[in-house]
Amino acid sequence: MGIAVGLTVGLVVGLLFVALLFRKKVLDCTFDERQERARGVAFKYGFFTLMGSIFLYGASELAVGRWCDALTGGCLCLAAGILVFAVICILKDAYLSLLERPRRIMTLFVLLSLANLVLGALLAAHGELVEDGILTFRAVNLVAGIMTLVILIVYIVNFLLRSRETEEE
């Protein structure tokens, strides 16, 4: 029951936060045709990654037994699909819309990464990630932190490489 209440509260707070970002014009999803096409391709690969990871999760449960709870397994699969979508969008220059300010979005990713990684590390330090040999839902913060950190790193590296290419031309 506690997990359900926590998930509901987290979802509501997240939705309110995203609504605030849209209201403040931090998130403005205006993409050109090239970006829309690239995002469609990225969505397709993200969806196939999600399907494949769900299959692998189910197969791993059959092969080795229960190694994580179902909600954690679902979140791991979602993280894989989101990560593939985000990385492809970044590489195709379709991650941020034409009107979004990269600095604000990347600052948000830094905060999300730090918050989730710190919370995940605290839970790991208290030994709450694994119970009776099964990965619990408390590991999702660590997964979310790693996912947002990887997205941030890919974005920064891509930005630096594009800047170097522009300077060379």
Protein backbone atom coordinates (compact mmCIF):
# COMPACT_ATOMS: atom_id res chain seq x y z
CA MET A 1 0.00 0.00 0.00
CA GLY A 2 2.87 2.35 0.81
CA ILE A 3 4.43 1.85 -2.62
CA ALA A 4 1.09 2.60 -4.33
CA VAL A 5 0.67 5.83 -2.35
CA GLY A 6 4.29 6.81 -3.03
CA LEU A 7 3.90 6.15 -6.75
CA THR A 8 0.67 8.15 -6.89
CA VAL A 9 2.16 11.11 -5.03
CA GLY A 10 5.30 10.98 -7.20
CA LEU A 11 3.22 10.86 -10.37
CA VAL A 12 1.05 13.80 -9.31
CA VAL A 13 4.09 15.89 -8.30
CA GLY A 14 5.82 14.99 -11.57
CA LEU A 15 2.78 15.98 -13.64
CA LEU A 16 2.45 19.26 -11.75
CA PHE A 17 6.15 19.95 -12.31
CA VAL A 18 5.87 19.27 -16.06
CA ALA A 19 2.75 21.49 -16.23
CA LEU A 20 4.72 24.26 -14.50
CA LEU A 21 7.56 23.85 -17.00
CA PHE A 22 5.12 24.18 -19.90
CA ARG A 23 3.49 27.23 -18.30
CA LYS A 24 6.88 28.92 -17.80
CA LYS A 25 7.74 28.09 -21.44
CA VAL A 26 10.75 26.00 -20.40
CA LEU A 27 9.30 23.06 -22.32
CA ASP A 28 7.99 24.12 -25.71
CA CYS A 29 7.55 21.17 -28.06
CA THR A 30 7.81 22.92 -31.42
CA PHE A 31 9.73 20.65 -33.76
CA ASP A 32 10.40 21.08 -37.47
CA GLU A 33 9.66 18.32 -40.00
CA ARG A 34 13.18 16.90 -39.90
CA GLN A 35 13.04 16.67 -36.12
CA GLU A 36 9.57 15.08 -36.22
CA ARG A 37 10.82 12.39 -38.62
CA ALA A 38 13.91 11.74 -36.48
CA ARG A 39 11.77 11.54 -33.34
CA GLY A 40 9.48 9.05 -35.11
CA VAL A 41 12.46 6.83 -35.94
CA ALA A 42 13.76 7.18 -32.38
CA PHE A 43 10.33 6.31 -31.01
CA LYS A 44 10.25 3.20 -33.19
CA TYR A 45 13.65 2.02 -31.92
CA GLY A 46 12.71 2.89 -28.36
CA PHE A 47 9.50 0.89 -28.71
CA PHE A 48 11.35 -2.12 -30.13
CA THR A 49 13.88 -1.83 -27.30
CA LEU A 50 11.01 -1.80 -24.80
CA MET A 51 9.49 -4.91 -26.40
CA GLY A 52 12.85 -6.69 -26.48
CA SER A 53 13.66 -5.79 -22.90
CA ILE A 54 10.26 -7.02 -21.73
CA PHE A 55 10.93 -10.29 -23.53
CA LEU A 56 14.41 -10.55 -21.99
CA TYR A 57 13.01 -9.74 -18.55
CA GLY A 58 10.40 -12.48 -18.89
CA ALA A 59 12.94 -14.95 -20.26
CA SER A 60 15.33 -14.18 -17.40
CA GLU A 61 12.57 -14.85 -14.89
CA LEU A 62 12.01 -18.24 -16.51
CA ALA A 63 15.73 -19.04 -16.74
CA VAL A 64 17.01 -17.96 -13.32
CA GLY A 65 13.87 -17.45 -11.30
CA ARG A 66 12.58 -14.31 -9.69
CA TRP A 67 15.43 -11.81 -9.42
CA CYS A 68 13.41 -8.58 -9.12
CA ASP A 69 9.86 -7.60 -8.35
CA ALA A 70 7.52 -7.01 -11.29
CA LEU A 71 7.32 -3.23 -10.87
CA THR A 72 11.10 -2.94 -10.84
CA GLY A 73 11.37 -5.15 -13.92
CA GLY A 74 8.84 -2.98 -15.72
CA CYS A 75 10.72 0.18 -14.77
CA LEU A 76 14.01 -1.33 -15.98
CA CYS A 77 12.38 -2.12 -19.33
CA LEU A 78 10.90 1.39 -19.56
CA ALA A 79 14.29 2.92 -18.75
CA ALA A 80 15.89 0.94 -21.58
CA GLY A 81 13.28 2.12 -24.10
CA ILE A 82 13.46 5.75 -22.94
CA LEU A 83 17.24 5.71 -23.04
CA VAL A 84 17.31 4.43 -26.64
CA PHE A 85 14.71 7.03 -27.67
CA ALA A 86 16.63 9.88 -26.01
CA VAL A 87 20.05 8.90 -27.34
CA ILE A 88 18.80 8.59 -30.92
CA CYS A 89 16.99 11.93 -30.65
CA ILE A 90 20.14 13.59 -29.33
CA LEU A 91 22.30 12.11 -32.09
CA LYS A 92 19.79 13.23 -34.75
CA ASP A 93 19.51 16.73 -33.18
CA ALA A 94 15.83 16.18 -32.42
CA TYR A 95 15.88 16.00 -28.62
CA LEU A 96 15.15 19.64 -27.89
CA SER A 97 12.63 21.69 -29.81
CA LEU A 98 13.58 24.80 -31.71
CA LEU A 99 12.40 27.09 -28.91
CA GLU A 100 13.77 25.25 -25.88
CA ARG A 101 16.84 26.53 -24.09
CA PRO A 102 19.37 23.70 -23.75
CA ARG A 103 20.92 25.15 -20.59
CA ARG A 104 17.62 25.01 -18.67
CA ILE A 105 16.85 21.47 -19.78
CA MET A 106 20.37 20.24 -19.01
CA THR A 107 20.22 21.93 -15.59
CA LEU A 108 17.00 20.02 -14.99
CA PHE A 109 18.74 16.78 -16.00
CA VAL A 110 21.63 17.51 -13.64
CA LEU A 111 19.18 18.03 -10.78
CA LEU A 112 17.19 14.90 -11.67
CA SER A 113 20.36 12.83 -11.93
CA LEU A 114 21.78 14.07 -8.66
CA ALA A 115 18.53 13.68 -6.73
CA ASN A 116 17.92 10.15 -7.97
CA LEU A 117 21.54 9.04 -7.59
CA VAL A 118 21.80 10.43 -4.06
CA LEU A 119 18.51 8.81 -3.05
CA GLY A 120 19.56 5.54 -4.69
CA ALA A 121 22.93 5.64 -2.95
CA LEU A 122 21.27 6.28 0.41
CA LEU A 123 18.92 3.35 -0.11
CA ALA A 124 21.85 1.16 -1.19
CA ALA A 125 23.84 2.22 1.87
CA HIS A 126 20.94 1.15 4.10
CA GLY A 127 20.71 -2.17 2.28
CA GLU A 128 17.18 -1.56 1.01
CA LEU A 129 17.73 -2.30 -2.69
CA VAL A 130 17.72 -6.07 -2.34
CA GLU A 131 15.48 -8.09 -0.02
CA ASP A 132 15.74 -11.88 0.14
CA GLY A 133 17.85 -11.86 -3.04
CA ILE A 134 15.23 -9.91 -5.01
CA LEU A 135 15.81 -6.43 -6.40
CA THR A 136 13.12 -4.17 -4.92
CA PHE A 137 11.34 -1.11 -6.21
CA ARG A 138 13.73 1.05 -4.21
CA ALA A 139 16.33 0.43 -6.94
CA VAL A 140 14.29 2.45 -9.43
CA ASN A 141 15.77 5.74 -8.16
CA LEU A 142 19.23 4.45 -8.94
CA VAL A 143 18.09 3.29 -12.39
CA ALA A 144 16.44 6.67 -13.11
CA GLY A 145 19.55 8.50 -11.93
CA ILE A 146 21.82 6.42 -14.15
CA MET A 147 19.45 6.84 -17.10
CA THR A 148 19.26 10.63 -16.80
CA LEU A 149 23.02 10.83 -16.25
CA VAL A 150 23.69 8.82 -19.43
CA ILE A 151 21.30 11.07 -21.38
CA LEU A 152 23.07 14.13 -19.99
CA ILE A 153 26.52 12.77 -20.87
CA VAL A 154 25.44 11.85 -24.41
CA TYR A 155 23.96 15.32 -24.86
CA ILE A 156 27.11 17.06 -23.61
CA VAL A 157 29.47 14.89 -25.67
CA ASN A 158 27.32 15.37 -28.78
CA PHE A 159 27.23 19.14 -28.17
CA LEU A 160 31.01 19.31 -27.76
CA LEU A 161 31.63 17.21 -30.89
CA ARG A 162 29.25 19.36 -32.96
CA SER A 163 30.93 22.52 -31.63
CA ARG A 164 34.34 21.18 -32.64
CA GLU A 165 33.05 20.29 -36.13
CA THR A 166 31.58 23.78 -36.51
CA GLU A 167 34.88 25.40 -35.48
CA GLU A 168 36.84 23.27 -37.96
CA GLU A 169 34.59 24.33 -40.87
